[in-house]
Amino acid sequence: MSESGIDSRFLMSIDISFEPPVVATPGLVVINVTGGTFEGPLMRGDMIGPSGDWARIQDNGNWKIDARLAMRTEEGDTIYCYYGGVVRMTEELAARSAAGEVLTGEDLYLRSAPNFETSSEKFAWLNDIMAVGKMTKFGGGKLGYDVYEIL
């Protein structure tokens, strides 16, 4: 077994604004993304609609993320970002979040695996990368990620 690890490179920070979750069933909440931004060394822009998350709530309280984001670069190119992920949610963390507290990546384990699709020539390289996201803040209608390209 190799212990060399996995190399990565910072891709971007994503900051998302969202409405309170809508409970569709006891095991499914739908979250409407209302806006946001992304910025990294090679790109920046805004979140556009439609965008959202369809989170499955497991019996133990943890979430399975199913998110889809529409992104527009400052050059006007559209990028589709979709990802699955995991949120380790305890009753205590859910109560803190429901009370409006902003949780950090130290408080809450939230990881994602973003994929990208675009017809933009400038950003076509995104179609062929693997990425991971690590939550930096969650709560008060805001979600922040740092996203890394896996090399």
C-alpha atoms as a PDB file:
ATOM      1  CA  MET A   1       0.000   0.000   0.000  1.00  0.00           C
ATOM      2  CA  SER A   2       1.333   3.392  -0.990  1.00  0.00           C
ATOM      3  CA  GLU A   3       1.386   6.163   1.587  1.00  0.00           C
ATOM      4  CA  SER A   4       2.070   8.972  -0.862  1.00  0.00           C
ATOM      5  CA  GLY A   5      -1.416  10.488  -0.476  1.00  0.00           C
ATOM      6  CA  ILE A   6      -3.386  12.372  -3.079  1.00  0.00           C
ATOM      7  CA  ASP A   7      -2.143  15.598  -4.601  1.00  0.00           C
ATOM      8  CA  SER A   8      -4.575  18.448  -5.070  1.00  0.00           C
ATOM      9  CA  ARG A   9      -4.660  22.066  -6.161  1.00  0.00           C
ATOM     10  CA  PHE A  10      -7.007  24.808  -4.939  1.00  0.00           C
ATOM     11  CA  LEU A  11      -9.666  25.407  -7.589  1.00  0.00           C
ATOM     12  CA  MET A  12     -12.120  27.877  -6.065  1.00  0.00           C
ATOM     13  CA  SER A  13     -14.157  29.040  -3.113  1.00  0.00           C
ATOM     14  CA  ILE A  14     -17.921  28.816  -3.501  1.00  0.00           C
ATOM     15  CA  ASP A  15     -20.317  30.899  -1.401  1.00  0.00           C
ATOM     16  CA  ILE A  16     -23.996  30.002  -1.743  1.00  0.00           C
ATOM     17  CA  SER A  17     -27.138  31.697  -0.418  1.00  0.00           C
ATOM     18  CA  PHE A  18     -30.219  29.538   0.075  1.00  0.00           C
ATOM     19  CA  GLU A  19     -33.797  29.600   1.352  1.00  0.00           C
ATOM     20  CA  PRO A  20     -34.928  27.491   4.333  1.00  0.00           C
ATOM     21  CA  PRO A  21     -35.288  23.826   3.344  1.00  0.00           C
ATOM     22  CA  VAL A  22     -38.700  22.598   2.220  1.00  0.00           C
ATOM     23  CA  VAL A  23     -39.623  19.205   3.685  1.00  0.00           C
ATOM     24  CA  ALA A  24     -40.907  17.062   0.792  1.00  0.00           C
ATOM     25  CA  THR A  25     -41.018  13.824   2.821  1.00  0.00           C
ATOM     26  CA  PRO A  26     -39.552  12.859   6.208  1.00  0.00           C
ATOM     27  CA  GLY A  27     -36.433  11.693   4.358  1.00  0.00           C
ATOM     28  CA  LEU A  28     -36.114  14.407   1.703  1.00  0.00           C
ATOM     29  CA  VAL A  29     -35.628  18.164   1.910  1.00  0.00           C
ATOM     30  CA  VAL A  30     -35.389  20.472  -1.090  1.00  0.00           C
ATOM     31  CA  ILE A  31     -33.199  23.553  -0.783  1.00  0.00           C
ATOM     32  CA  ASN A  32     -33.552  26.413  -3.263  1.00  0.00           C
ATOM     33  CA  VAL A  33     -30.279  28.202  -4.000  1.00  0.00           C
ATOM     34  CA  THR A  34     -30.996  31.914  -4.414  1.00  0.00           C
ATOM     35  CA  GLY A  35     -27.537  33.166  -5.376  1.00  0.00           C
ATOM     36  CA  GLY A  36     -23.877  33.155  -4.606  1.00  0.00           C
ATOM     37  CA  THR A  37     -20.407  33.547  -6.018  1.00  0.00           C
ATOM     38  CA  PHE A  38     -17.357  31.492  -6.890  1.00  0.00           C
ATOM     39  CA  GLU A  39     -13.760  32.643  -7.131  1.00  0.00           C
ATOM     40  CA  GLY A  40     -10.420  31.011  -7.718  1.00  0.00           C
ATOM     41  CA  PRO A  41      -7.104  31.694  -9.426  1.00  0.00           C
ATOM     42  CA  LEU A  42      -8.471  30.705 -12.862  1.00  0.00           C
ATOM     43  CA  MET A  43     -12.127  31.746 -12.693  1.00  0.00           C
ATOM     44  CA  ARG A  44     -14.790  33.777 -10.927  1.00  0.00           C
ATOM     45  CA  GLY A  45     -18.454  34.508 -11.312  1.00  0.00           C
ATOM     46  CA  ASP A  46     -21.975  34.124  -9.905  1.00  0.00           C
ATOM     47  CA  MET A  47     -24.475  31.377  -9.152  1.00  0.00           C
ATOM     48  CA  ILE A  48     -27.584  31.659 -11.298  1.00  0.00           C
ATOM     49  CA  GLY A  49     -30.938  29.923 -11.253  1.00  0.00           C
ATOM     50  CA  PRO A  50     -32.152  27.348 -11.342  1.00  0.00           C
ATOM     51  CA  SER A  51     -29.938  25.812  -8.667  1.00  0.00           C
ATOM     52  CA  GLY A  52     -30.680  23.685  -5.632  1.00  0.00           C
ATOM     53  CA  ASP A  53     -30.053  20.666  -3.435  1.00  0.00           C
ATOM     54  CA  TRP A  54     -32.216  17.609  -2.867  1.00  0.00           C
ATOM     55  CA  ALA A  55     -30.866  16.271   0.429  1.00  0.00           C
ATOM     56  CA  ARG A  56     -31.810  12.779   1.611  1.00  0.00           C
ATOM     57  CA  ILE A  57     -31.985  12.497   5.385  1.00  0.00           C
ATOM     58  CA  GLN A  58     -30.804   9.126   6.645  1.00  0.00           C
ATOM     59  CA  ASP A  59     -32.228   7.341   9.697  1.00  0.00           C
ATOM     60  CA  ASN A  60     -29.169   8.405  11.735  1.00  0.00           C
ATOM     61  CA  GLY A  61     -29.734  12.097  10.843  1.00  0.00           C
ATOM     62  CA  ASN A  62     -26.882  12.366   8.345  1.00  0.00           C
ATOM     63  CA  TRP A  63     -27.564  13.834   4.902  1.00  0.00           C
ATOM     64  CA  LYS A  64     -26.749  12.604   1.407  1.00  0.00           C
ATOM     65  CA  ILE A  65     -26.401  15.665  -0.840  1.00  0.00           C
ATOM     66  CA  ASP A  66     -27.666  15.814  -4.434  1.00  0.00           C
ATOM     67  CA  ALA A  67     -26.865  19.360  -5.580  1.00  0.00           C
ATOM     68  CA  ARG A  68     -27.032  21.049  -8.972  1.00  0.00           C
ATOM     69  CA  LEU A  69     -25.694  24.549  -9.574  1.00  0.00           C
ATOM     70  CA  ALA A  70     -25.748  26.815 -12.589  1.00  0.00           C
ATOM     71  CA  MET A  71     -22.715  29.102 -12.653  1.00  0.00           C
ATOM     72  CA  ARG A  72     -21.911  32.064 -14.899  1.00  0.00           C
ATOM     73  CA  THR A  73     -18.315  33.246 -15.214  1.00  0.00           C
ATOM     74  CA  GLU A  74     -17.381  36.903 -15.400  1.00  0.00           C
ATOM     75  CA  GLU A  75     -16.741  36.290 -19.118  1.00  0.00           C
ATOM     76  CA  GLY A  76     -20.368  35.180 -19.528  1.00  0.00           C
ATOM     77  CA  ASP A  77     -19.720  31.430 -19.889  1.00  0.00           C
ATOM     78  CA  THR A  78     -22.157  29.000 -18.248  1.00  0.00           C
ATOM     79  CA  ILE A  79     -20.906  26.058 -16.194  1.00  0.00           C
ATOM     80  CA  TYR A  80     -23.109  23.311 -14.798  1.00  0.00           C
ATOM     81  CA  CYS A  81     -21.872  21.882 -11.495  1.00  0.00           C
ATOM     82  CA  TYR A  82     -23.451  18.806  -9.921  1.00  0.00           C
ATOM     83  CA  TYR A  83     -22.326  16.866  -6.900  1.00  0.00           C
ATOM     84  CA  GLY A  84     -23.081  14.298  -4.298  1.00  0.00           C
ATOM     85  CA  GLY A  85     -21.803  14.570  -0.778  1.00  0.00           C
ATOM     86  CA  VAL A  86     -22.154  13.692   2.866  1.00  0.00           C
ATOM     87  CA  VAL A  87     -23.138  15.757   5.911  1.00  0.00           C
ATOM     88  CA  ARG A  88     -22.623  14.225   9.344  1.00  0.00           C
ATOM     89  CA  MET A  89     -25.513  15.870  11.205  1.00  0.00           C
ATOM     90  CA  THR A  90     -26.149  15.294  14.907  1.00  0.00           C
ATOM     91  CA  GLU A  91     -29.231  16.484  16.775  1.00  0.00           C
ATOM     92  CA  GLU A  92     -27.097  19.086  18.550  1.00  0.00           C
ATOM     93  CA  LEU A  93     -25.666  20.437  15.266  1.00  0.00           C
ATOM     94  CA  ALA A  94     -29.132  20.467  13.659  1.00  0.00           C
ATOM     95  CA  ALA A  95     -30.484  22.490  16.603  1.00  0.00           C
ATOM     96  CA  ARG A  96     -27.589  24.959  16.402  1.00  0.00           C
ATOM     97  CA  SER A  97     -28.100  25.370  12.655  1.00  0.00           C
ATOM     98  CA  ALA A  98     -31.889  25.746  13.049  1.00  0.00           C
ATOM     99  CA  ALA A  99     -31.241  28.494  15.623  1.00  0.00           C
ATOM    100  CA  GLY A 100     -29.309  30.434  12.958  1.00  0.00           C
ATOM    101  CA  GLU A 101     -25.799  29.663  14.188  1.00  0.00           C
ATOM    102  CA  VAL A 102     -23.155  29.512  11.470  1.00  0.00           C
ATOM    103  CA  LEU A 103     -21.243  26.249  11.757  1.00  0.00           C
ATOM    104  CA  THR A 104     -17.652  25.954  10.571  1.00  0.00           C
ATOM    105  CA  GLY A 105     -15.738  23.091   8.985  1.00  0.00           C
ATOM    106  CA  GLU A 106     -14.423  22.360  12.481  1.00  0.00           C
ATOM    107  CA  ASP A 107     -17.997  21.876  13.753  1.00  0.00           C
ATOM    108  CA  LEU A 108     -19.541  19.948  10.879  1.00  0.00           C
ATOM    109  CA  TYR A 109     -18.222  17.335   8.457  1.00  0.00           C
ATOM    110  CA  LEU A 110     -19.573  18.250   5.008  1.00  0.00           C
ATOM    111  CA  ARG A 111     -17.742  16.982   1.941  1.00  0.00           C
ATOM    112  CA  SER A 112     -18.736  16.955  -1.712  1.00  0.00           C
ATOM    113  CA  ALA A 113     -17.484  15.641  -5.054  1.00  0.00           C
ATOM    114  CA  PRO A 114     -18.243  18.328  -7.677  1.00  0.00           C
ATOM    115  CA  ASN A 115     -18.389  17.534 -11.387  1.00  0.00           C
ATOM    116  CA  PHE A 116     -18.485  20.196 -14.084  1.00  0.00           C
ATOM    117  CA  GLU A 117     -19.923  20.456 -17.590  1.00  0.00           C
ATOM    118  CA  THR A 118     -19.499  23.379 -19.960  1.00  0.00           C
ATOM    119  CA  SER A 119     -19.343  24.098 -23.680  1.00  0.00           C
ATOM    120  CA  SER A 120     -17.006  27.034 -23.032  1.00  0.00           C
ATOM    121  CA  GLU A 121     -13.686  26.709 -24.859  1.00  0.00           C
ATOM    122  CA  LYS A 122     -11.915  28.647 -22.128  1.00  0.00           C
ATOM    123  CA  PHE A 123     -13.215  26.419 -19.310  1.00  0.00           C
ATOM    124  CA  ALA A 124     -13.488  23.084 -21.187  1.00  0.00           C
ATOM    125  CA  TRP A 125     -10.698  21.684 -18.977  1.00  0.00           C
ATOM    126  CA  LEU A 126     -13.277  21.542 -16.145  1.00  0.00           C
ATOM    127  CA  ASN A 127     -15.087  18.762 -18.037  1.00  0.00           C
ATOM    128  CA  ASP A 128     -12.112  16.456 -17.459  1.00  0.00           C
ATOM    129  CA  ILE A 129     -11.173  16.903 -13.807  1.00  0.00           C
ATOM    130  CA  MET A 130     -12.133  15.326 -10.496  1.00  0.00           C
ATOM    131  CA  ALA A 131     -12.718  17.650  -7.563  1.00  0.00           C
ATOM    132  CA  VAL A 132     -13.569  17.552  -3.869  1.00  0.00           C
ATOM    133  CA  GLY A 133     -15.220  20.220  -1.751  1.00  0.00           C
ATOM    134  CA  LYS A 134     -14.790  20.896   1.949  1.00  0.00           C
ATOM    135  CA  MET A 135     -17.359  23.033   3.765  1.00  0.00           C
ATOM    136  CA  THR A 136     -16.058  26.214   5.387  1.00  0.00           C
ATOM    137  CA  LYS A 137     -19.351  27.610   6.743  1.00  0.00           C
ATOM    138  CA  PHE A 138     -22.977  26.492   6.977  1.00  0.00           C
ATOM    139  CA  GLY A 139     -25.951  28.262   8.512  1.00  0.00           C
ATOM    140  CA  GLY A 140     -28.029  31.394   8.400  1.00  0.00           C
ATOM    141  CA  GLY A 141     -28.934  30.737   4.777  1.00  0.00           C
ATOM    142  CA  LYS A 142     -25.277  30.534   3.694  1.00  0.00           C
ATOM    143  CA  LEU A 143     -22.980  27.705   2.636  1.00  0.00           C
ATOM    144  CA  GLY A 144     -19.294  28.014   1.829  1.00  0.00           C
ATOM    145  CA  TYR A 145     -16.973  25.459   0.225  1.00  0.00           C
ATOM    146  CA  ASP A 146     -13.350  25.333  -0.737  1.00  0.00           C
ATOM    147  CA  VAL A 147     -13.011  23.169  -3.858  1.00  0.00           C
ATOM    148  CA  TYR A 148      -9.838  21.357  -4.861  1.00  0.00           C
ATOM    149  CA  GLU A 149      -8.895  19.701  -8.139  1.00  0.00           C
ATOM    150  CA  ILE A 150      -7.513  16.200  -7.601  1.00  0.00           C
ATOM    151  CA  LEU A 151      -4.266  15.856  -9.561  1.00  0.00           C
END
